[in-house]
Amino acid sequence: MIPTPSVLTATHEVLNQAHALQDYNAYTSNLALQEAVAREQAGWAHDWLIERGAEVGSAEWIEHGRLANVNPPQLKLFDRYGNRRDEVEFHPSWHECLGWLKRHGCDTGPWADPKPGAHVARAAAYVMFAEIEDGSLCPTTMTYGAVPALRHAPEIAREWLPLLLSRDYDQRFIPATKKRGALIGMGITEKQGGSDVRANMTRAEPAGDGIWRLTGHKWFLSAPMCDAFLVTAQSPKGLSCFFVPRWTPDGRLNEIRIQRFKDKLGDRSNAGTEAEFWGSQGWLVGEEGRGIPTVLEMGVYTRLDCAIGSTGIMRAALSQALHHTSLRSAFGKLLRQQPLMMNVLADMALETEAATALSLRLARAFDAQQEDNDGAETLLRRILTPVAKFWICKRCPTLVAEAMEVHGGNGYVDEGPMPRLFRQSPLNSIWEGSGNVMCLDTLRAMERHPRSVEVLAAEIAPALGKDRAFDRFVAKLKDGLNNPQDIEIRSRELTQGIALAMQGALLLCHAPAPVAEAFCASRLTPGHCGGAFGTLPAASDFKGLIDRAWPGPQA
């Protein structure tokens, strides 16, 4: 029997499906971010961030993020006549994304206009943009970190800083001297070394007039479309850092030869490459033989952005889950009203708020170091940077996976945003130093700067006495930090403990009581930390936590 047209129509009627999350304000719908911005001395940026939040949440910008990823970059090794070109071509939406980031100072804004809260305001904008497109944040972050590193090379800084501080994005593949703005990448990792930068084999030989010639292979050259790179190489006095422009001062292409694109799990909009240096021209940055400290100065800032970026990815996943469950029904109720789903959503909201609080407090430490008379904020920045990167980036993939599951089968289909968020979610934990490197760096901060532990304790102290679970957790953490036995093998436990103690302290001092109480009960009691989402105690204010995290997609 052939179905009647009316039956066919009913069969294809779309019911009980959520529409796409778009045309909402990514800032006004995020109370935790708003409160952190005000608390960390960037309240002056509130109206500016409202404007940016409306842009980021618009259908237009969400589509730019999608298009930049479904249309990956193309490698053009040669021009039509056979001349070596080593050029990367991007989809227009990629350029729109970088234009937005450059225009709003997400690369070098705090350096161009230094004032209290500048790094915090930038971090808030960065969090929001990470919700829609993450590949373009790679060159943005490296340019941000390159500015303090280049101050070790005054002549280079004099010529290049105006281009880096510019708010103009200039996509043309021409010498930087002819451009309105510039971006910086980096080439450090080699196939035989990975995190062991001292194992680099790329060589640098002096060629006279301050010019060095670099020869070697880089296993990862990040963002090859950039106008210049900070590159590590072995010089006669040891591992050194060099500034290697894409074009030489006389207007010729520098001998940087792209070998291939990396076929990455995610980060598809960005071109990760292998590259060889064939006698490439470079200029020394910092002291010869002291390349690692010079590069690490850049790395401190890029590691901050790993934590901030993962916070944005977590917020994106949470927003998608809250939006979906606010519109989808099952068993006679909205998913958002089902008791067990409420536990899952509230738990994810708690994790995201804790990440937001920690990452923006860390950003304030970067601001405060400018006028840090007693050195406390500098020390706090030193120890909290690897801690925040380790913990927030570790929690990100787990949360995104849970948020994907909230959508059921729809969450696993590439037409929606969840698979891209999931593929992106592990990257920040790997980039700029893996988890083990971060934990060892935390130990190094305590060993080289013993006062940093005192500064950390002072930061946590105002929360003591507010929650018994918190007090017990902090006491156990202090015992662990003061015990040198097997400290390296325990460094993951200790780094995780510092992160949780800081998050607990921030929430106890600044968040509503239901948020802080649920965090301490679920994260700071034995057997709970790192478990499955949706295991908050039954006494938790589930509805209050959900309503706080998603007051509505306000325009």
Protein backbone atom coordinates (compact mmCIF):
# COMPACT_ATOMS: atom_id res chain seq x y z
CA MET A 1 0.00 0.00 0.00
CA ILE A 2 1.40 3.38 -1.02
CA PRO A 3 1.42 5.94 1.83
CA THR A 4 -0.79 8.97 1.33
CA PRO A 5 0.83 12.41 1.02
CA SER A 6 -0.47 13.38 4.47
CA VAL A 7 1.30 10.39 6.05
CA LEU A 8 4.53 11.25 4.28
CA THR A 9 4.25 14.83 5.49
CA ALA A 10 3.77 13.70 9.08
CA THR A 11 6.71 11.31 8.80
CA HIS A 12 9.06 14.12 7.81
CA GLU A 13 7.73 16.69 10.24
CA VAL A 14 10.57 17.76 12.56
CA LEU A 15 9.50 17.59 16.18
CA ASN A 16 11.31 17.88 19.51
CA GLN A 17 14.62 19.01 18.00
CA ALA A 18 16.62 21.96 19.28
CA HIS A 19 17.48 24.68 16.80
CA ALA A 20 21.07 25.83 16.35
CA LEU A 21 22.50 27.99 19.11
CA GLN A 22 23.15 31.35 17.47
CA ASP A 23 22.37 35.05 17.77
CA TYR A 24 22.99 35.10 21.51
CA ASN A 25 25.45 37.12 23.59
CA ALA A 26 28.39 35.01 24.74
CA TYR A 27 29.19 37.54 27.46
CA THR A 28 25.85 38.48 29.00
CA SER A 29 24.85 34.80 29.12
CA ASN A 30 28.02 33.97 31.08
CA LEU A 31 27.61 35.31 34.61
CA ALA A 32 30.79 33.67 35.89
CA LEU A 33 32.84 35.43 33.23
CA GLN A 34 31.21 38.80 33.92
CA GLU A 35 31.88 38.50 37.64
CA ALA A 36 35.48 37.42 37.10
CA VAL A 37 36.11 40.38 34.78
CA ALA A 38 34.80 42.81 37.40
CA ARG A 39 36.63 41.08 40.26
CA GLU A 40 39.97 40.96 38.46
CA GLN A 41 40.03 44.72 37.76
CA ALA A 42 38.77 44.82 34.16
CA GLY A 43 35.30 46.20 34.92
CA TRP A 44 36.10 49.13 32.64
CA ALA A 45 35.84 46.70 29.69
CA HIS A 46 32.28 45.56 30.51
CA ASP A 47 30.49 47.46 27.72
CA TRP A 48 33.22 46.57 25.21
CA LEU A 49 32.89 42.90 26.11
CA ILE A 50 29.11 43.04 25.71
CA GLU A 51 29.67 44.24 22.14
CA ARG A 52 32.22 41.50 21.50
CA GLY A 53 29.93 38.88 23.02
CA ALA A 54 27.11 39.84 20.66
CA GLU A 55 29.45 39.52 17.69
CA VAL A 56 30.87 36.16 18.73
CA GLY A 57 27.41 34.71 19.37
CA SER A 58 25.99 35.90 16.07
CA ALA A 59 25.07 33.52 13.26
CA GLU A 60 27.59 35.33 11.05
CA TRP A 61 30.59 34.62 13.26
CA ILE A 62 29.53 31.10 14.12
CA GLU A 63 29.41 30.45 10.39
CA HIS A 64 32.89 31.94 9.93
CA GLY A 65 34.16 29.49 12.53
CA ARG A 66 32.53 26.58 10.73
CA LEU A 67 33.72 27.59 7.26
CA ALA A 68 37.32 28.11 8.42
CA ASN A 69 37.38 24.49 9.58
CA VAL A 70 35.54 22.73 6.75
CA ASN A 71 37.77 24.53 4.25
CA PRO A 72 41.28 23.74 5.49
CA PRO A 73 44.35 25.64 4.23
CA GLN A 74 46.06 24.70 0.98
CA LEU A 75 49.83 24.45 0.49
CA LYS A 76 51.26 26.16 -2.59
CA LEU A 77 54.91 25.08 -2.82
CA PHE A 78 55.55 26.61 -6.25
CA ASP A 79 54.14 29.33 -8.43
CA ARG A 80 52.92 28.62 -11.96
CA TYR A 81 56.43 29.04 -13.38
CA GLY A 82 58.12 26.59 -11.00
CA ASN A 83 59.58 29.12 -8.58
CA ARG A 84 59.65 28.04 -4.97
CA ARG A 85 56.85 29.81 -3.09
CA ASP A 86 56.04 27.92 0.15
CA GLU A 87 52.81 29.86 0.53
CA VAL A 88 49.70 28.87 2.45
CA GLU A 89 46.26 29.81 1.12
CA PHE A 90 43.33 30.10 3.55
CA HIS A 91 39.58 30.36 3.23
CA PRO A 92 38.23 33.93 3.57
CA SER A 93 36.59 33.03 6.90
CA TRP A 94 40.01 32.28 8.38
CA HIS A 95 41.11 35.77 7.45
CA GLU A 96 37.89 37.18 8.94
CA CYS A 97 38.68 35.42 12.21
CA LEU A 98 42.25 36.69 12.37
CA GLY A 99 41.01 40.15 11.40
CA TRP A 100 38.59 40.13 14.35
CA LEU A 101 41.28 39.00 16.77
CA LYS A 102 43.81 41.56 15.54
CA ARG A 103 41.25 44.36 15.40
CA HIS A 104 40.24 43.81 19.01
CA GLY A 105 43.75 43.48 20.37
CA CYS A 106 43.55 39.80 21.25
CA ASP A 107 47.17 39.44 20.17
CA THR A 108 49.03 42.46 21.53
CA GLY A 109 46.35 44.69 23.06
CA PRO A 110 47.81 44.64 26.60
CA TRP A 111 51.20 45.71 25.22
CA ALA A 112 49.75 48.45 23.00
CA ASP A 113 47.53 49.88 25.75
CA PRO A 114 48.93 48.74 29.12
CA LYS A 115 46.63 49.50 32.03
CA PRO A 116 45.20 47.65 35.03
CA GLY A 117 43.05 44.77 33.83
CA ALA A 118 44.31 44.82 30.24
CA HIS A 119 45.37 41.16 30.27
CA VAL A 120 42.10 40.21 31.98
CA ALA A 121 39.95 42.01 29.40
CA ARG A 122 41.92 40.34 26.63
CA ALA A 123 41.49 36.97 28.34
CA ALA A 124 37.70 37.42 28.48
CA ALA A 125 37.54 38.20 24.77
CA TYR A 126 39.82 35.24 24.08
CA VAL A 127 37.55 32.91 26.09
CA MET A 128 34.56 33.99 24.02
CA PHE A 129 36.30 33.64 20.68
CA ALA A 130 37.53 30.17 21.65
CA GLU A 131 33.87 29.18 21.72
CA ILE A 132 33.59 29.57 17.93
CA GLU A 133 37.05 29.11 16.35
CA ASP A 134 40.31 27.96 17.87
CA GLY A 135 42.81 27.51 15.05
CA SER A 136 43.17 31.26 14.51
CA LEU A 137 44.07 31.63 18.19
CA CYS A 138 47.42 29.91 17.51
CA PRO A 139 49.14 32.82 15.69
CA THR A 140 47.27 35.23 17.96
CA THR A 141 48.78 33.62 21.04
CA MET A 142 52.31 33.38 19.66
CA THR A 143 52.27 37.05 18.69
CA TYR A 144 51.09 37.86 22.22
CA GLY A 145 53.99 35.93 23.73
CA ALA A 146 56.58 37.18 21.25
CA VAL A 147 56.39 40.80 22.39
CA PRO A 148 58.18 40.38 25.76
CA ALA A 149 60.69 37.99 24.18
CA LEU A 150 61.60 40.46 21.42
CA ARG A 151 62.49 43.09 23.99
CA HIS A 152 65.74 41.15 24.34
CA ALA A 153 66.56 42.29 20.79
CA PRO A 154 66.07 46.10 20.80
CA GLU A 155 66.93 46.61 17.12
CA ILE A 156 64.42 44.01 15.99
CA ALA A 157 61.84 45.33 18.43
CA ARG A 158 62.28 48.85 17.13
CA GLU A 159 61.38 47.75 13.60
CA TRP A 160 58.80 45.08 14.32
CA LEU A 161 56.88 46.15 17.43
CA PRO A 162 54.83 48.81 15.57
CA LEU A 163 53.67 46.07 13.18
CA LEU A 164 52.90 43.63 16.00
CA LEU A 165 51.07 46.23 18.08
CA SER A 166 49.04 47.36 15.08
CA ARG A 167 45.30 46.61 15.08
CA ASP A 168 45.39 46.03 11.31
CA TYR A 169 45.39 42.49 9.99
CA ASP A 170 47.22 42.34 6.67
CA GLN A 171 46.91 38.95 5.01
CA ARG A 172 49.16 39.70 2.04
CA PHE A 173 52.14 37.41 1.45
CA ILE A 174 54.70 40.21 1.06
CA PRO A 175 57.63 41.57 3.11
CA ALA A 176 56.52 42.87 6.49
CA THR A 177 58.03 46.30 5.79
CA LYS A 178 55.25 46.79 3.22
CA LYS A 179 52.42 45.62 5.51
CA ARG A 180 50.11 47.36 7.97
CA GLY A 181 50.40 44.67 10.64
CA ALA A 182 52.29 41.46 11.35
CA LEU A 183 52.07 38.15 13.22
CA ILE A 184 54.74 35.96 14.81
CA GLY A 185 55.02 32.16 14.85
CA MET A 186 57.61 29.83 16.30
CA GLY A 187 59.69 26.79 15.43
CA ILE A 188 61.08 24.87 18.39
CA THR A 189 60.08 21.19 18.31
CA GLU A 190 62.24 18.68 16.44
CA LYS A 191 61.45 15.04 15.80
CA GLN A 192 64.24 13.64 17.98
CA GLY A 193 63.53 15.88 20.99
CA GLY A 194 59.92 16.89 21.54
CA SER A 195 59.83 18.59 24.94
CA ASP A 196 63.60 18.14 25.28
CA VAL A 197 64.53 21.35 23.48
CA ARG A 198 68.20 20.88 24.37
CA ALA A 199 68.23 17.96 21.92
CA ASN A 200 67.65 20.36 18.98
CA MET A 201 69.96 19.70 16.03
CA THR A 202 69.18 22.75 13.87
CA ARG A 203 72.42 24.68 13.48
CA ALA A 204 73.08 28.43 13.38
CA GLU A 205 76.33 29.84 11.99
CA PRO A 206 77.34 33.52 12.04
CA ALA A 207 77.44 35.07 8.56
CA GLY A 208 78.60 38.60 9.43
CA ASP A 209 76.80 41.90 10.05
CA GLY A 210 74.73 40.29 12.79
CA ILE A 211 73.18 37.78 10.39
CA TRP A 212 73.07 34.07 11.20
CA ARG A 213 72.40 31.20 8.82
CA LEU A 214 70.10 28.46 10.12
CA THR A 215 70.10 24.93 8.74
CA GLY A 216 67.89 22.14 10.00
CA HIS A 217 64.45 20.59 10.25
CA LYS A 218 61.55 21.48 12.54
CA TRP A 219 58.98 18.77 13.23
CA PHE A 220 56.35 21.43 14.00
CA LEU A 221 56.46 24.95 12.61
CA SER A 222 53.35 26.59 14.00
CA ALA A 223 51.29 28.92 11.81
CA PRO A 224 53.57 29.12 8.74
CA MET A 225 51.64 32.06 7.30
CA CYS A 226 53.19 34.32 9.94
CA ASP A 227 55.58 37.11 9.00
CA ALA A 228 58.42 35.87 11.21
CA PHE A 229 59.28 33.11 13.66
CA LEU A 230 61.19 32.65 16.88
CA VAL A 231 63.36 29.61 16.25
CA THR A 232 65.76 27.65 18.45
CA ALA A 233 69.07 26.45 17.02
CA GLN A 234 72.48 25.30 18.22
CA SER A 235 75.06 28.08 17.89
CA PRO A 236 78.78 27.88 18.83
CA LYS A 237 77.91 28.80 22.44
CA GLY A 238 74.92 26.46 22.77
CA LEU A 239 71.19 26.53 22.14
CA SER A 240 70.08 30.03 21.18
CA CYS A 241 66.96 31.82 20.02
CA PHE A 242 66.75 33.50 16.62
CA PHE A 243 64.32 35.80 14.86
CA VAL A 244 63.71 34.41 11.37
CA PRO A 245 61.55 36.56 9.04
CA ARG A 246 59.56 35.10 6.17
CA TRP A 247 61.24 37.56 3.80
CA THR A 248 64.81 38.85 3.96
CA PRO A 249 65.53 42.59 4.32
CA ASP A 250 66.31 42.85 0.60
CA GLY A 251 62.82 41.59 -0.29
CA ARG A 252 63.55 37.94 -1.16
CA LEU A 253 61.81 34.93 0.27
CA ASN A 254 63.85 33.56 3.14
CA GLU A 255 64.94 29.93 2.71
CA ILE A 256 62.19 28.42 4.85
CA ARG A 257 60.88 25.39 2.99
CA ILE A 258 57.63 23.79 4.02
CA GLN A 259 57.81 20.01 3.74
CA ARG A 260 54.20 19.07 4.41
CA PHE A 261 51.09 19.84 6.44
CA LYS A 262 50.41 17.77 9.52
CA ASP A 263 47.22 15.72 9.23
CA LYS A 264 45.95 16.63 12.70
CA LEU A 265 43.09 15.28 14.79
CA GLY A 266 41.60 18.76 15.06
CA ASP A 267 42.69 22.38 14.68
CA ARG A 268 41.86 21.94 11.00
CA SER A 269 41.62 25.65 10.19
CA ASN A 270 45.25 26.18 11.17
CA ALA A 271 48.20 24.94 9.12
CA GLY A 272 50.58 22.91 11.26
CA THR A 273 53.67 22.12 9.21
CA GLU A 274 57.06 20.51 9.05
CA ALA A 275 59.68 22.84 7.65
CA GLU A 276 63.36 22.92 6.76
CA PHE A 277 65.74 25.83 7.05
CA TRP A 278 68.16 25.95 4.11
CA GLY A 279 70.61 28.56 5.32
CA SER A 280 67.74 30.80 6.40
CA GLN A 281 68.69 34.26 7.57
CA GLY A 282 68.10 34.91 11.26
CA TRP A 283 69.05 37.37 13.98
CA LEU A 284 69.96 36.52 17.56
CA VAL A 285 67.35 37.23 20.25
CA GLY A 286 68.75 37.46 23.76
CA GLU A 287 72.11 36.11 24.82
CA GLU A 288 73.80 33.46 22.71
CA GLY A 289 73.60 30.10 24.43
CA ARG A 290 70.61 31.23 26.50
CA GLY A 291 67.89 30.29 24.04
CA ILE A 292 65.75 28.30 26.47
CA PRO A 293 65.16 31.18 28.94
CA THR A 294 64.37 33.48 26.00
CA VAL A 295 61.85 31.08 24.49
CA LEU A 296 60.35 30.30 27.89
CA GLU A 297 59.58 33.98 28.34
CA MET A 298 57.34 33.62 25.30
CA GLY A 299 56.06 30.29 26.62
CA VAL A 300 54.82 31.77 29.88
CA TYR A 301 52.25 33.80 27.93
CA THR A 302 51.32 31.06 25.49
CA ARG A 303 50.71 28.69 28.41
CA LEU A 304 48.33 31.23 29.93
CA ASP A 305 46.43 31.14 26.66
CA CYS A 306 46.24 27.35 26.73
CA ALA A 307 44.33 27.60 30.01
CA ILE A 308 42.16 30.45 28.75
CA GLY A 309 41.47 28.71 25.43
CA SER A 310 40.46 25.46 27.12
CA THR A 311 38.16 27.45 29.38
CA GLY A 312 36.48 28.83 26.25
CA ILE A 313 36.11 25.37 24.72
CA MET A 314 34.55 24.10 27.94
CA ARG A 315 32.15 27.03 28.00
CA ALA A 316 31.19 26.38 24.37
CA ALA A 317 30.45 22.72 25.13
CA LEU A 318 28.46 23.65 28.24
CA SER A 319 26.46 26.30 26.36
CA GLN A 320 25.58 23.81 23.64
CA ALA A 321 24.47 21.25 26.23
CA LEU A 322 22.38 23.75 28.19
CA HIS A 323 20.78 25.09 25.02
CA HIS A 324 19.94 21.60 23.78
CA THR A 325 18.46 20.41 27.06
CA SER A 326 16.38 23.58 27.38
CA LEU A 327 14.56 22.70 24.14
CA ARG A 328 14.55 18.90 23.96
CA SER A 329 12.01 16.79 25.88
CA ALA A 330 12.05 13.16 27.02
CA PHE A 331 9.64 11.20 29.18
CA GLY A 332 7.31 14.16 29.56
CA LYS A 333 9.84 16.77 30.70
CA LEU A 334 12.50 18.99 29.25
CA LEU A 335 15.88 17.27 29.53
CA ARG A 336 17.01 20.22 31.64
CA GLN A 337 14.35 19.26 34.21
CA GLN A 338 15.21 15.56 34.46
CA PRO A 339 16.89 14.92 37.84
CA LEU A 340 19.90 12.96 36.63
CA MET A 341 20.48 15.27 33.66
CA MET A 342 20.30 18.20 36.08
CA ASN A 343 23.15 16.64 38.03
CA VAL A 344 25.24 16.27 34.87
CA LEU A 345 24.58 19.83 33.68
CA ALA A 346 25.17 21.36 37.12
CA ASP A 347 28.44 19.45 37.46
CA MET A 348 29.70 20.66 34.09
CA ALA A 349 28.63 24.20 34.96
CA LEU A 350 30.62 23.95 38.19
CA GLU A 351 33.75 22.78 36.35
CA THR A 352 33.49 25.59 33.80
CA GLU A 353 32.98 28.28 36.44
CA ALA A 354 36.00 27.03 38.40
CA ALA A 355 38.11 27.12 35.23
CA THR A 356 36.91 30.65 34.47
CA ALA A 357 37.75 31.86 37.97
CA LEU A 358 41.25 30.37 37.92
CA SER A 359 42.20 31.45 34.40
CA LEU A 360 41.11 35.06 34.91
CA ARG A 361 42.80 35.26 38.32
CA LEU A 362 45.96 34.11 36.58
CA ALA A 363 45.46 36.79 33.91
CA ARG A 364 45.32 39.41 36.67
CA ALA A 365 48.68 38.18 37.94
CA PHE A 366 50.06 39.00 34.48
CA ASP A 367 48.59 42.49 34.81
CA ALA A 368 49.77 43.03 38.38
CA GLN A 369 53.37 42.08 37.70
CA GLN A 370 53.82 45.43 35.95
CA GLU A 371 53.63 47.19 39.33
CA ASP A 372 54.56 44.28 41.58
CA ASN A 373 56.57 46.02 44.27
CA ASP A 374 57.07 43.01 46.55
CA GLY A 375 57.17 40.41 43.76
CA ALA A 376 54.17 38.45 45.06
CA GLU A 377 52.11 38.58 41.87
CA THR A 378 55.12 37.64 39.75
CA LEU A 379 55.73 34.60 41.93
CA LEU A 380 52.04 33.70 41.85
CA ARG A 381 52.08 33.97 38.07
CA ARG A 382 55.17 31.76 37.94
CA ILE A 383 53.67 28.90 39.92
CA LEU A 384 50.04 29.16 38.77
CA THR A 385 50.74 29.24 35.04
CA PRO A 386 51.81 25.58 34.75
CA VAL A 387 49.21 24.60 37.37
CA ALA A 388 46.31 26.20 35.48
CA LYS A 389 47.49 24.89 32.13
CA PHE A 390 47.82 21.38 33.50
CA TRP A 391 44.47 21.12 35.24
CA ILE A 392 42.12 23.13 33.03
CA CYS A 393 43.49 21.57 29.85
CA LYS A 394 43.24 18.10 31.38
CA ARG A 395 39.60 18.58 32.37
CA CYS A 396 38.57 20.02 29.02
CA PRO A 397 38.34 16.79 26.92
CA THR A 398 36.39 14.99 29.65
CA LEU A 399 33.84 17.77 29.88
CA VAL A 400 33.47 18.11 26.11
CA ALA A 401 32.91 14.36 25.79
CA GLU A 402 30.15 14.55 28.42
CA ALA A 403 28.54 17.50 26.68
CA MET A 404 28.61 15.59 23.39
CA GLU A 405 26.82 12.68 25.05
CA VAL A 406 24.09 15.04 26.23
CA HIS A 407 23.10 15.50 22.57
CA GLY A 408 22.84 11.78 21.91
CA GLY A 409 23.55 10.72 18.33
CA ASN A 410 23.18 14.29 17.06
CA GLY A 411 26.24 15.26 19.08
CA TYR A 412 28.36 12.76 17.17
CA VAL A 413 27.45 14.10 13.74
CA ASP A 414 29.77 16.61 12.10
CA GLU A 415 26.94 18.86 10.95
CA GLY A 416 26.86 20.20 14.49
CA PRO A 417 29.59 21.88 16.57
CA MET A 418 30.33 19.11 19.08
CA PRO A 419 32.73 16.92 17.05
CA ARG A 420 34.90 19.93 16.23
CA LEU A 421 35.01 20.94 19.91
CA PHE A 422 35.85 17.37 20.86
CA ARG A 423 38.71 17.12 18.34
CA GLN A 424 40.05 20.47 19.51
CA SER A 425 39.77 19.70 23.22
CA PRO A 426 43.05 17.74 23.78
CA LEU A 427 45.32 20.16 21.94
CA ASN A 428 46.04 22.73 24.64
CA SER A 429 47.13 19.97 27.01
CA ILE A 430 49.78 18.91 24.46
CA TRP A 431 50.81 22.26 22.99
CA GLU A 432 53.38 24.38 24.86
CA GLY A 433 54.37 21.55 27.17
CA SER A 434 52.51 18.35 28.01
CA GLY A 435 51.03 17.54 31.41
CA ASN A 436 54.22 16.01 32.79
CA VAL A 437 56.23 19.05 31.70
CA MET A 438 53.76 21.33 33.48
CA CYS A 439 53.97 19.33 36.70
CA LEU A 440 57.76 19.32 36.65
CA ASP A 441 57.70 23.05 35.94
CA THR A 442 55.49 23.53 39.00
CA LEU A 443 58.13 21.76 41.11
CA ARG A 444 60.83 23.86 39.49
CA ALA A 445 58.98 27.05 40.42
CA MET A 446 58.83 25.96 44.06
CA GLU A 447 62.49 24.90 44.11
CA ARG A 448 63.87 28.05 42.50
CA HIS A 449 61.47 30.43 44.21
CA PRO A 450 60.64 28.99 47.66
CA ARG A 451 58.64 32.11 48.51
CA SER A 452 56.15 31.18 45.80
CA VAL A 453 54.68 28.57 48.15
CA GLU A 454 54.16 31.29 50.78
CA VAL A 455 52.50 33.53 48.19
CA LEU A 456 50.24 30.67 47.17
CA ALA A 457 49.31 30.00 50.80
CA ALA A 458 48.49 33.68 51.30
CA GLU A 459 46.21 33.58 48.25
CA ILE A 460 44.34 30.57 49.65
CA ALA A 461 44.23 31.76 53.29
CA PRO A 462 41.14 34.05 53.05
CA ALA A 463 38.99 31.01 52.25
CA LEU A 464 40.07 28.98 55.27
CA GLY A 465 37.38 28.48 57.86
CA LYS A 466 34.55 28.74 55.32
CA ASP A 467 34.22 25.02 54.52
CA ARG A 468 35.47 21.97 56.43
CA ALA A 469 36.20 19.91 53.33
CA PHE A 470 38.27 22.78 51.94
CA ASP A 471 40.21 23.16 55.18
CA ARG A 472 41.03 19.45 55.30
CA PHE A 473 42.05 19.43 51.65
CA VAL A 474 44.40 22.41 52.07
CA ALA A 475 45.99 20.89 55.17
CA LYS A 476 46.70 17.65 53.31
CA LEU A 477 48.07 19.60 50.35
CA LYS A 478 50.47 21.54 52.59
CA ASP A 479 51.73 18.30 54.08
CA GLY A 480 52.34 16.94 50.58
CA LEU A 481 54.18 20.06 49.45
CA ASN A 482 56.42 20.02 52.54
CA ASN A 483 57.36 16.36 52.07
CA PRO A 484 60.31 16.05 49.65
CA GLN A 485 60.16 12.25 49.48
CA ASP A 486 59.18 11.01 46.00
CA ILE A 487 58.00 14.51 45.16
CA GLU A 488 58.60 14.15 41.42
CA ILE A 489 56.57 10.99 41.14
CA ARG A 490 53.81 12.74 43.12
CA SER A 491 53.98 15.95 41.10
CA ARG A 492 50.74 15.34 39.20
CA GLU A 493 48.86 14.85 42.45
CA LEU A 494 50.41 18.00 43.92
CA THR A 495 49.80 20.14 40.83
CA GLN A 496 46.21 18.97 40.68
CA GLY A 497 45.89 19.74 44.39
CA ILE A 498 47.15 23.30 43.95
CA ALA A 499 44.67 23.87 41.12
CA LEU A 500 41.73 22.55 43.13
CA ALA A 501 42.73 24.49 46.22
CA MET A 502 42.96 27.71 44.20
CA GLN A 503 39.64 27.08 42.50
CA GLY A 504 38.01 26.27 45.83
CA ALA A 505 39.43 29.41 47.43
CA LEU A 506 38.21 31.64 44.60
CA LEU A 507 34.72 30.17 44.67
CA LEU A 508 34.44 30.27 48.47
CA CYS A 509 35.47 33.93 48.52
CA HIS A 510 33.56 35.18 45.47
CA ALA A 511 30.91 32.79 44.12
CA PRO A 512 27.38 32.25 45.49
CA ALA A 513 27.30 29.78 48.39
CA PRO A 514 25.61 26.94 46.41
CA VAL A 515 28.45 27.04 43.86
CA ALA A 516 31.24 26.98 46.44
CA GLU A 517 29.54 24.34 48.59
CA ALA A 518 28.93 22.01 45.65
CA PHE A 519 32.52 22.44 44.47
CA CYS A 520 34.03 21.60 47.84
CA ALA A 521 31.68 18.67 48.40
CA SER A 522 32.38 17.14 44.99
CA ARG A 523 36.02 18.05 44.30
CA LEU A 524 37.70 18.25 47.67
CA THR A 525 36.42 15.14 49.39
CA PRO A 526 38.16 11.76 48.99
CA GLY A 527 37.05 9.71 46.02
CA HIS A 528 35.30 12.49 44.08
CA CYS A 529 37.95 14.45 42.17
CA GLY A 530 38.18 13.45 38.54
CA GLY A 531 35.14 11.17 38.59
CA ALA A 532 32.30 11.10 36.09
CA PHE A 533 30.24 14.26 35.69
CA GLY A 534 26.83 13.97 37.28
CA THR A 535 27.98 12.82 40.72
CA LEU A 536 27.24 15.95 42.75
CA PRO A 537 25.78 15.26 46.22
CA ALA A 538 21.99 15.05 46.33
CA ALA A 539 21.83 18.17 48.52
CA SER A 540 23.33 20.35 45.75
CA ASP A 541 21.25 23.21 44.35
CA PHE A 542 21.05 21.74 40.85
CA LYS A 543 18.51 24.21 39.49
CA GLY A 544 20.38 27.16 40.92
CA LEU A 545 23.67 26.03 39.37
CA ILE A 546 22.03 25.48 35.98
CA ASP A 547 20.13 28.77 36.01
CA ARG A 548 23.32 30.61 36.91
CA ALA A 549 25.22 28.98 34.07
CA TRP A 550 22.48 29.57 31.50
CA PRO A 551 20.23 32.51 32.36
CA GLY A 552 19.19 32.48 28.71
CA PRO A 553 20.81 33.24 25.34
CA GLN A 554 20.37 36.97 25.71
CA ALA A 555 20.97 39.03 22.60
